[in-house]
Amino acid sequence: MKKRGLGVGSMFYGIGYGFNRPDIGAAHVEVAEDGTATLFTGVCDLGQGIQTLLAQIVGTELGMPISAIRVVDADTGSTPDSGPTSGSRATFVQGQAVRNASLDVKARLFEMAGRMMGVAPDDLEVADGQVRARLAPERHVSVVKVVDEMHKQGKRCIGWGWQDITTKDVDPLTSQGDAYQTFGWATQLAEVEVDTDTGFVQVTRLVSATDAGRAINPVGVEGQVQGGAVMGLGYALYEQHVVEQGRARTGSLAFYLVPTPLDVPEIECLIVEVPDPNGPYGAKGVSEPATIPTTPAILNAIYDAVGVRVRTTPATPERIFDLLREQDTQSATVESPSVG
C-alpha cells in the first residue's frame, strides 16, 4: 500500500562567518582603452555562477553588457584576498566589494569626462559606452576617449572596493551579541509517497520559499535553490558514509548513493525579496539556506504519511520498513493485552 504525506521544514542561517571572525572582501575593476572592463576578485566560482553575478554588478554600474566584462578570479598573483566561497557569503560580501570598486572606477571616469565636457561629475551618467550629461544627453563623450585621455595623463582607469561585515560585539564568554550582520531564511514543503510494504519513499514534489534579499540573477537563484534542495533530498534519503573504528566502509559511489534525475521531483521555487541594506542592491546568499530545510520537510512528510518518526538519516527503505513493523508490533500489543 502506498500512502502520501506532506511535511514542512523552516530555517534561518547566519550569512558569513559571524562571531567576531574576520569577514572581508576586496576587488578592483579596471576599464581599458577599448571600453571593456576587467574585474579582479579573489572569490572562486564553484559552479554557483558567482562570476556571472559579479559581472552583472560591474555592468550595471558602468553601463556595459556582460560580454564586455572579463572576470579574473582566484588568482593569488593578481587578485586581492576576498575570503573563501563558504558560509553563503560570496554574493553578500564580495558582491558589495565589487559594487564599491565599480562605483570607485565610475567616479574616476566621471571626473575625467567632466573635465573634458565642462560638466560636474555628479551630473553625469554612463550607458552604452557613452558618458552623458543627465540633463543634456546630447552632450556626451565615449568611454574609450575618456580612458585614452586618462592614459595620456599617466592615469589608470581603475577602482578599488572593500567590504567588511566582521561582527565585533559578541561576548567570547557568553556568545551573546550580534552574531551575524544578516540572516537567510527559507521554508520548504515536501510531498512524499511511502510504500508500506517495502519502506520505499518517493518525493513527488518540493516547494521552496527562499529569502534572497534581492535576486540580482533570478535564474541563478532558482538554480541555487533547486541544487540545494536536491542536496537535501540526497541527505534525507540516499547518502550514507559508513565509518567503523575510524575506517571508511563505504568504498565507492556504488554504495554511496546520490539522487539521480529520476529521483528528483518537481521543484517549485518561490523567491522572496526583502532587500538587506548591507548587500549589493539588497541581495543575500541563498546557497545553504536552500539545502537546510529540505531534509526535515521530507522526514516530517514521512511521519505525516505513515506515522513513524525517522531520527537517523538517510531514511532508507530498510529503516522505514523496520519502523513500520515496530509500529505494527506495538499496535498489536496495545490491542491484545495479556490476561493475568
Protein backbone atom coordinates (compact mmCIF):
# COMPACT_ATOMS: atom_id res chain seq x y z
CA MET A 1 0.00 0.00 0.00
CA LYS A 2 1.19 3.50 -0.81
CA LYS A 3 0.44 6.44 1.46
CA ARG A 4 1.02 10.12 0.83
CA GLY A 5 2.06 12.83 3.26
CA LEU A 6 3.03 16.48 3.49
CA GLY A 7 5.80 17.98 5.61
CA VAL A 8 7.23 21.43 6.24
CA GLY A 9 10.75 22.49 7.22
CA SER A 10 11.96 26.00 8.06
CA MET A 11 15.33 27.50 8.88
CA PHE A 12 17.30 30.66 9.48
CA TYR A 13 21.01 30.82 8.88
CA GLY A 14 23.75 33.34 9.61
CA ILE A 15 25.27 34.71 6.40
CA GLY A 16 29.07 34.83 6.53
CA TYR A 17 31.34 33.83 9.40
CA GLY A 18 29.99 35.80 12.35
CA PHE A 19 31.12 35.64 15.99
CA ASN A 20 33.96 38.17 15.59
CA ARG A 21 35.71 36.21 12.83
CA PRO A 22 37.23 38.48 10.15
CA ASP A 23 34.87 38.54 7.14
CA ILE A 24 36.26 40.81 4.45
CA GLY A 25 36.02 41.07 0.68
CA ALA A 26 38.09 43.12 -1.77
CA ALA A 27 38.05 43.72 -5.51
CA HIS A 28 39.31 46.06 -8.18
CA VAL A 29 37.90 46.95 -11.59
CA GLU A 30 39.85 48.45 -14.49
CA VAL A 31 38.42 49.94 -17.67
CA ALA A 32 40.64 49.52 -20.74
CA GLU A 33 41.17 51.75 -23.79
CA ASP A 34 38.82 49.59 -25.85
CA GLY A 35 35.94 50.31 -23.47
CA THR A 36 35.88 46.88 -21.85
CA ALA A 37 36.35 46.21 -18.14
CA THR A 38 38.26 43.62 -16.15
CA LEU A 39 37.18 42.59 -12.66
CA PHE A 40 39.79 41.17 -10.29
CA THR A 41 38.26 39.18 -7.44
CA GLY A 42 39.72 36.57 -5.14
CA VAL A 43 36.46 34.71 -4.60
CA CYS A 44 36.26 31.48 -6.61
CA ASP A 45 33.35 30.14 -8.63
CA LEU A 46 32.49 26.59 -7.57
CA GLY A 47 29.77 26.30 -10.19
CA GLN A 48 27.27 28.52 -8.40
CA GLY A 49 27.56 31.28 -11.01
CA ILE A 50 29.24 33.96 -8.91
CA GLN A 51 31.33 35.10 -11.91
CA THR A 52 28.18 35.96 -13.81
CA LEU A 53 26.59 37.74 -10.87
CA LEU A 54 29.68 39.86 -10.17
CA ALA A 55 29.98 40.75 -13.85
CA GLN A 56 26.33 41.82 -13.77
CA ILE A 57 27.13 44.21 -10.92
CA VAL A 58 30.03 45.74 -12.84
CA GLY A 59 27.88 46.05 -15.94
CA THR A 60 25.06 47.70 -14.01
CA GLU A 61 27.31 50.41 -12.62
CA LEU A 62 29.36 51.03 -15.78
CA GLY A 63 26.54 50.70 -18.31
CA MET A 64 28.22 47.80 -20.10
CA PRO A 65 26.90 44.50 -21.46
CA ILE A 66 28.17 41.46 -19.63
CA SER A 67 30.03 40.44 -22.81
CA ALA A 68 32.30 43.46 -22.31
CA ILE A 69 33.42 42.38 -18.85
CA ARG A 70 36.25 39.94 -18.15
CA VAL A 71 36.46 38.29 -14.74
CA VAL A 72 39.80 37.22 -13.28
CA ASP A 73 39.14 35.22 -10.13
CA ALA A 74 41.02 33.22 -7.51
CA ASP A 75 44.47 34.09 -8.87
CA THR A 76 46.85 34.63 -5.96
CA GLY A 77 49.21 36.51 -8.25
CA SER A 78 46.77 39.20 -9.36
CA THR A 79 43.56 39.19 -7.32
CA PRO A 80 43.02 40.61 -3.83
CA ASP A 81 42.11 38.36 -0.93
CA SER A 82 38.34 38.02 -0.89
CA GLY A 83 37.93 35.18 1.57
CA PRO A 84 36.69 31.69 0.68
CA THR A 85 33.49 30.69 -1.05
CA SER A 86 31.65 29.43 2.02
CA GLY A 87 29.05 30.48 4.55
CA SER A 88 26.75 31.72 1.74
CA ARG A 89 28.86 34.89 1.83
CA ALA A 90 30.10 35.35 -1.75
CA THR A 91 27.17 37.41 -3.04
CA PHE A 92 26.65 39.32 0.19
CA VAL A 93 30.26 40.22 0.92
CA GLN A 94 32.09 40.10 -2.38
CA GLY A 95 29.14 41.40 -4.34
CA GLN A 96 29.20 44.60 -2.31
CA ALA A 97 33.01 44.86 -2.62
CA VAL A 98 32.66 44.60 -6.39
CA ARG A 99 29.93 47.22 -6.42
CA ASN A 100 32.13 49.54 -4.36
CA ALA A 101 35.01 49.01 -6.80
CA SER A 102 32.69 49.72 -9.73
CA LEU A 103 31.45 52.92 -8.09
CA ASP A 104 35.05 53.97 -7.45
CA VAL A 105 36.16 53.48 -11.05
CA LYS A 106 33.00 55.22 -12.27
CA ALA A 107 33.84 58.23 -10.11
CA ARG A 108 37.30 58.42 -11.71
CA LEU A 109 35.76 58.04 -15.14
CA PHE A 110 33.27 60.84 -14.44
CA GLU A 111 35.96 63.10 -13.04
CA MET A 112 37.92 63.00 -16.29
CA ALA A 113 34.82 63.09 -18.51
CA GLY A 114 33.54 66.08 -16.57
CA ARG A 115 36.74 67.99 -17.28
CA MET A 116 36.56 67.09 -20.96
CA MET A 117 32.92 68.17 -21.25
CA GLY A 118 32.81 71.01 -18.76
CA VAL A 119 30.14 69.24 -16.72
CA ALA A 120 30.13 68.48 -12.98
CA PRO A 121 30.79 64.76 -12.31
CA ASP A 122 27.60 64.50 -10.26
CA ASP A 123 25.60 65.48 -13.35
CA LEU A 124 26.92 62.59 -15.48
CA GLU A 125 25.70 59.08 -16.27
CA VAL A 126 27.13 56.25 -18.33
CA ALA A 127 25.38 53.83 -20.71
CA ASP A 128 26.14 52.06 -23.96
CA GLY A 129 29.79 53.13 -23.92
CA GLN A 130 28.97 56.84 -23.58
CA VAL A 131 29.30 59.24 -20.66
CA ARG A 132 26.43 61.73 -20.92
CA ALA A 133 25.17 64.80 -19.12
CA ARG A 134 21.95 63.79 -17.38
CA LEU A 135 20.07 66.97 -18.23
CA ALA A 136 21.58 67.34 -21.69
CA PRO A 137 22.12 63.83 -23.13
CA GLU A 138 23.24 65.32 -26.47
CA ARG A 139 26.44 66.28 -24.64
CA HIS A 140 28.46 63.11 -24.39
CA VAL A 141 31.89 61.58 -24.79
CA SER A 142 32.77 57.93 -25.34
CA VAL A 143 34.28 55.84 -22.57
CA VAL A 144 37.08 54.95 -24.99
CA LYS A 145 38.06 58.62 -25.36
CA VAL A 146 37.90 59.23 -21.62
CA VAL A 147 40.16 56.28 -20.81
CA ASP A 148 42.54 57.27 -23.60
CA GLU A 149 42.83 60.75 -22.11
CA MET A 150 43.49 59.30 -18.66
CA HIS A 151 46.28 57.15 -20.05
CA LYS A 152 47.81 60.15 -21.83
CA GLN A 153 47.97 61.84 -18.44
CA GLY A 154 49.63 58.80 -16.86
CA LYS A 155 46.49 57.66 -15.03
CA ARG A 156 44.86 54.23 -14.94
CA CYS A 157 41.08 53.97 -15.00
CA ILE A 158 40.93 51.65 -12.03
CA GLY A 159 38.76 51.47 -8.92
CA TRP A 160 39.11 49.65 -5.63
CA GLY A 161 36.39 48.19 -3.45
CA TRP A 162 36.27 46.81 0.07
CA GLN A 163 33.55 45.28 2.25
CA ASP A 164 33.86 44.26 5.89
CA ILE A 165 30.97 42.53 7.68
CA THR A 166 33.00 41.39 10.68
CA THR A 167 30.84 41.46 13.79
CA LYS A 168 32.70 42.92 16.76
CA ASP A 169 30.38 42.83 19.75
CA VAL A 170 29.94 39.13 20.60
CA ASP A 171 30.98 38.29 24.16
CA PRO A 172 33.53 35.43 23.90
CA LEU A 173 32.39 34.01 27.24
CA THR A 174 28.61 34.07 26.75
CA SER A 175 28.38 34.23 22.92
CA GLN A 176 25.78 36.95 23.39
CA GLY A 177 25.60 39.83 20.91
CA ASP A 178 25.04 40.38 17.21
CA ALA A 179 26.50 37.13 15.94
CA TYR A 180 25.88 37.91 12.26
CA GLN A 181 25.22 41.02 10.24
CA THR A 182 22.32 39.35 8.47
CA PHE A 183 20.47 36.04 8.23
CA GLY A 184 19.00 33.95 5.45
CA TRP A 185 15.50 32.45 5.77
CA ALA A 186 13.77 29.61 3.96
CA THR A 187 10.76 27.32 4.25
CA GLN A 188 10.13 24.21 2.20
CA LEU A 189 7.19 21.88 1.75
CA ALA A 190 7.68 18.25 0.71
CA GLU A 191 5.12 15.81 -0.62
CA VAL A 192 6.07 12.13 -0.39
CA GLU A 193 4.69 8.74 -1.24
CA VAL A 194 5.64 5.86 1.09
CA ASP A 195 5.24 2.20 0.14
CA THR A 196 4.25 0.49 3.41
CA ASP A 197 5.14 -2.96 2.01
CA THR A 198 8.77 -2.05 1.22
CA GLY A 199 9.51 1.18 3.09
CA PHE A 200 10.50 2.92 -0.16
CA VAL A 201 9.99 6.70 -0.21
CA GLN A 202 9.41 8.74 -3.34
CA VAL A 203 9.43 12.53 -3.05
CA THR A 204 6.79 13.68 -5.51
CA ARG A 205 7.01 17.45 -5.05
CA LEU A 206 9.07 20.13 -3.32
CA VAL A 207 8.13 23.78 -2.86
CA SER A 208 10.81 26.16 -1.62
CA ALA A 209 10.34 29.75 -0.45
CA THR A 210 13.75 31.40 -0.05
CA ASP A 211 14.65 34.89 1.12
CA ALA A 212 17.15 36.18 -1.45
CA GLY A 213 17.19 39.76 -0.22
CA ARG A 214 17.04 40.83 -3.83
CA ALA A 215 17.53 38.47 -6.74
CA ILE A 216 20.19 40.06 -8.95
CA ASN A 217 20.03 37.00 -11.21
CA PRO A 218 16.65 35.28 -10.67
CA VAL A 219 17.54 32.32 -12.90
CA GLY A 220 20.75 31.84 -10.91
CA VAL A 221 18.83 31.98 -7.62
CA GLU A 222 16.39 29.37 -8.89
CA GLY A 223 19.29 27.14 -9.93
CA GLN A 224 20.86 27.50 -6.49
CA VAL A 225 17.58 26.64 -4.78
CA GLN A 226 17.00 23.61 -6.96
CA GLY A 227 20.55 22.38 -6.45
CA GLY A 228 20.34 22.92 -2.71
CA ALA A 229 17.02 21.09 -2.49
CA VAL A 230 18.45 18.11 -4.36
CA MET A 231 21.38 18.01 -1.92
CA GLY A 232 18.91 17.99 0.97
CA LEU A 233 16.97 15.22 -0.75
CA GLY A 234 20.14 13.13 -1.01
CA TYR A 235 20.92 13.71 2.66
CA ALA A 236 17.38 12.69 3.64
CA LEU A 237 17.00 9.51 1.64
CA TYR A 238 20.20 8.26 -0.01
CA GLU A 239 23.62 9.46 1.09
CA GLN A 240 25.36 7.42 3.77
CA HIS A 241 29.07 7.21 4.53
CA VAL A 242 29.74 4.34 6.92
CA VAL A 243 32.79 4.64 9.21
CA GLU A 244 33.69 1.80 11.59
CA GLN A 245 36.56 2.08 14.07
CA GLY A 246 37.96 5.03 12.16
CA ARG A 247 37.89 3.31 8.78
CA ALA A 248 35.65 4.12 5.84
CA ARG A 249 33.47 1.16 4.89
CA THR A 250 31.76 2.95 2.02
CA GLY A 251 34.30 2.11 -0.64
CA SER A 252 32.82 3.61 -3.80
CA LEU A 253 29.93 5.51 -5.33
CA ALA A 254 28.32 2.13 -6.00
CA PHE A 255 27.42 2.17 -2.30
CA TYR A 256 27.31 5.92 -1.63
CA LEU A 257 24.05 6.69 -3.36
CA VAL A 258 23.12 10.15 -4.64
CA PRO A 259 19.86 11.23 -6.27
CA THR A 260 19.59 10.62 -10.00
CA PRO A 261 17.37 12.66 -12.32
CA LEU A 262 14.69 10.01 -11.84
CA ASP A 263 14.69 10.67 -8.09
CA VAL A 264 14.29 14.45 -8.36
CA PRO A 265 10.69 15.64 -8.19
CA GLU A 266 9.09 18.82 -9.45
CA ILE A 267 10.69 21.71 -7.53
CA GLU A 268 8.77 24.95 -7.31
CA CYS A 269 10.92 27.95 -6.38
CA LEU A 270 9.38 30.96 -4.68
CA ILE A 271 11.87 33.83 -4.44
CA VAL A 272 11.11 36.13 -1.52
CA GLU A 273 12.73 39.57 -1.82
CA VAL A 274 13.27 41.60 1.35
CA PRO A 275 16.29 43.79 0.47
CA ASP A 276 19.10 43.91 3.03
CA PRO A 277 20.77 47.33 3.26
CA ASN A 278 24.23 45.80 3.62
CA GLY A 279 24.14 43.61 0.49
CA PRO A 280 24.64 44.65 -3.15
CA TYR A 281 21.28 46.14 -4.19
CA GLY A 282 19.87 44.32 -1.15
CA ALA A 283 21.00 40.81 -2.17
CA LYS A 284 21.90 37.99 0.22
CA GLY A 285 23.31 34.49 -0.18
CA VAL A 286 20.91 31.58 -0.79
CA SER A 287 23.15 28.51 -1.10
CA GLU A 288 22.99 26.79 2.27
CA PRO A 289 19.55 28.20 3.15
CA ALA A 290 18.25 26.28 0.12
CA THR A 291 19.66 22.98 1.45
CA ILE A 292 18.95 23.02 5.17
CA PRO A 293 15.12 22.77 5.32
CA THR A 294 14.74 20.00 2.74
CA THR A 295 15.59 17.05 4.97
CA PRO A 296 13.29 17.98 7.88
CA ALA A 297 10.49 18.69 5.41
CA ILE A 298 10.86 15.20 3.90
CA LEU A 299 11.12 13.47 7.29
CA ASN A 300 8.03 15.33 8.51
CA ALA A 301 6.19 14.26 5.35
CA ILE A 302 7.10 10.63 6.02
CA TYR A 303 5.67 10.96 9.53
CA ASP A 304 2.51 12.53 8.11
CA ALA A 305 2.14 9.64 5.65
CA VAL A 306 2.75 6.60 7.87
CA GLY A 307 3.10 7.86 11.45
CA VAL A 308 6.72 6.82 12.08
CA ARG A 309 9.38 9.31 13.11
CA VAL A 310 12.73 8.78 11.34
CA ARG A 311 15.52 10.08 13.60
CA THR A 312 18.55 8.72 11.71
CA THR A 313 19.35 9.68 8.14
CA PRO A 314 19.22 8.54 5.48
CA ALA A 315 15.62 7.30 5.68
CA THR A 316 16.37 4.11 3.75
CA PRO A 317 13.64 1.62 2.88
CA GLU A 318 15.14 -0.79 5.43
CA ARG A 319 14.90 1.73 8.26
CA ILE A 320 11.36 2.73 7.42
CA PHE A 321 10.32 -0.92 6.99
CA ASP A 322 11.71 -1.74 10.45
CA LEU A 323 9.94 1.26 11.98
CA LEU A 324 6.65 0.23 10.37
CA ARG A 325 6.99 -3.34 11.68
CA GLU A 326 7.82 -1.97 15.14
CA GLN A 327 4.75 0.23 14.92
CA ASP A 328 2.60 -2.79 13.95
CA THR A 329 4.01 -4.80 16.87
CA GLN A 330 3.27 -2.05 19.37
CA SER A 331 -0.24 -1.62 17.99
CA ALA A 332 -0.88 -5.36 18.29
CA THR A 333 0.36 -5.35 21.88
CA VAL A 334 -1.97 -2.50 22.82
CA GLU A 335 -4.95 -4.09 21.11
CA SER A 336 -4.37 -7.56 22.64
CA PRO A 337 -3.21 -7.07 26.24
CA SER A 338 -2.12 -10.20 28.08
CA VAL A 339 -4.64 -11.64 30.57
CA GLY A 340 -3.19 -12.37 34.03
